[in-house]
Amino acid sequence: MTIFVMLAPMSVFLGLLGVGAFWWTLSHGQYDDPEGDAARILVEDPDDCPL
């Protein structure tokens, strides 16, 4: 029972930390242009290639 008293608050804290990280990415525009990111992978840019 003692381990439950320790693990329950820790799991709630980790869950809230994950939700907070997701909220932070939403508020900082990480998901604004998923189509542009997908198309950018397909473009061959000679400046991006290593020598």
C-alpha atoms as a PDB file:
ATOM      1  CA  MET A   1       0.000   0.000   0.000  1.00  0.00           C
ATOM      2  CA  THR A   2       2.909   2.351   0.679  1.00  0.00           C
ATOM      3  CA  ILE A   3       4.145   2.037  -2.911  1.00  0.00           C
ATOM      4  CA  PHE A   4       0.691   3.050  -4.170  1.00  0.00           C
ATOM      5  CA  VAL A   5       0.853   6.214  -2.079  1.00  0.00           C
ATOM      6  CA  MET A   6       4.136   7.068  -3.794  1.00  0.00           C
ATOM      7  CA  LEU A   7       3.323   5.995  -7.366  1.00  0.00           C
ATOM      8  CA  ALA A   8      -0.144   7.530  -7.681  1.00  0.00           C
ATOM      9  CA  PRO A   9       0.987  11.169  -7.222  1.00  0.00           C
ATOM     10  CA  MET A  10       4.038  10.552  -9.407  1.00  0.00           C
ATOM     11  CA  SER A  11       1.888   9.193 -12.241  1.00  0.00           C
ATOM     12  CA  VAL A  12      -0.512  12.131 -11.953  1.00  0.00           C
ATOM     13  CA  PHE A  13       2.460  14.521 -12.050  1.00  0.00           C
ATOM     14  CA  LEU A  14       3.913  12.826 -15.154  1.00  0.00           C
ATOM     15  CA  GLY A  15       0.523  12.940 -16.866  1.00  0.00           C
ATOM     16  CA  LEU A  16       0.139  16.640 -16.116  1.00  0.00           C
ATOM     17  CA  LEU A  17       3.695  17.227 -17.329  1.00  0.00           C
ATOM     18  CA  GLY A  18       2.829  15.556 -20.641  1.00  0.00           C
ATOM     19  CA  VAL A  19      -0.350  17.597 -21.026  1.00  0.00           C
ATOM     20  CA  GLY A  20       1.609  20.753 -20.203  1.00  0.00           C
ATOM     21  CA  ALA A  21       4.251  19.933 -22.811  1.00  0.00           C
ATOM     22  CA  PHE A  22       1.547  19.323 -25.407  1.00  0.00           C
ATOM     23  CA  TRP A  23      -0.168  22.598 -24.509  1.00  0.00           C
ATOM     24  CA  TRP A  24       3.163  24.421 -24.811  1.00  0.00           C
ATOM     25  CA  THR A  25       3.726  23.034 -28.327  1.00  0.00           C
ATOM     26  CA  LEU A  26       0.223  24.093 -29.336  1.00  0.00           C
ATOM     27  CA  SER A  27       0.698  27.626 -28.055  1.00  0.00           C
ATOM     28  CA  HIS A  28       4.098  27.996 -29.777  1.00  0.00           C
ATOM     29  CA  GLY A  29       2.839  26.977 -33.238  1.00  0.00           C
ATOM     30  CA  GLN A  30       4.535  23.606 -33.612  1.00  0.00           C
ATOM     31  CA  TYR A  31       1.599  22.199 -35.594  1.00  0.00           C
ATOM     32  CA  ASP A  32       0.769  25.189 -37.795  1.00  0.00           C
ATOM     33  CA  ASP A  33       2.021  23.855 -41.160  1.00  0.00           C
ATOM     34  CA  PRO A  34       2.112  20.048 -41.336  1.00  0.00           C
ATOM     35  CA  GLU A  35       1.527  20.017 -45.123  1.00  0.00           C
ATOM     36  CA  GLY A  36       4.518  22.304 -45.726  1.00  0.00           C
ATOM     37  CA  ASP A  37       6.776  20.135 -43.589  1.00  0.00           C
ATOM     38  CA  ALA A  38       5.709  17.021 -45.483  1.00  0.00           C
ATOM     39  CA  ALA A  39       6.349  18.647 -48.852  1.00  0.00           C
ATOM     40  CA  ARG A  40       9.699  20.059 -47.769  1.00  0.00           C
ATOM     41  CA  ILE A  41      11.074  16.531 -47.303  1.00  0.00           C
ATOM     42  CA  LEU A  42      10.519  15.773 -50.995  1.00  0.00           C
ATOM     43  CA  VAL A  43      12.306  18.857 -52.348  1.00  0.00           C
ATOM     44  CA  GLU A  44      15.899  18.260 -53.371  1.00  0.00           C
ATOM     45  CA  ASP A  45      17.973  21.235 -52.353  1.00  0.00           C
ATOM     46  CA  PRO A  46      21.648  21.007 -53.305  1.00  0.00           C
ATOM     47  CA  ASP A  47      22.555  23.337 -50.428  1.00  0.00           C
ATOM     48  CA  ASP A  48      21.314  20.767 -47.922  1.00  0.00           C
ATOM     49  CA  CYS A  49      23.450  17.894 -49.259  1.00  0.00           C
ATOM     50  CA  PRO A  50      26.727  17.105 -47.500  1.00  0.00           C
ATOM     51  CA  LEU A  51      29.882  17.388 -49.567  1.00  0.00           C
END
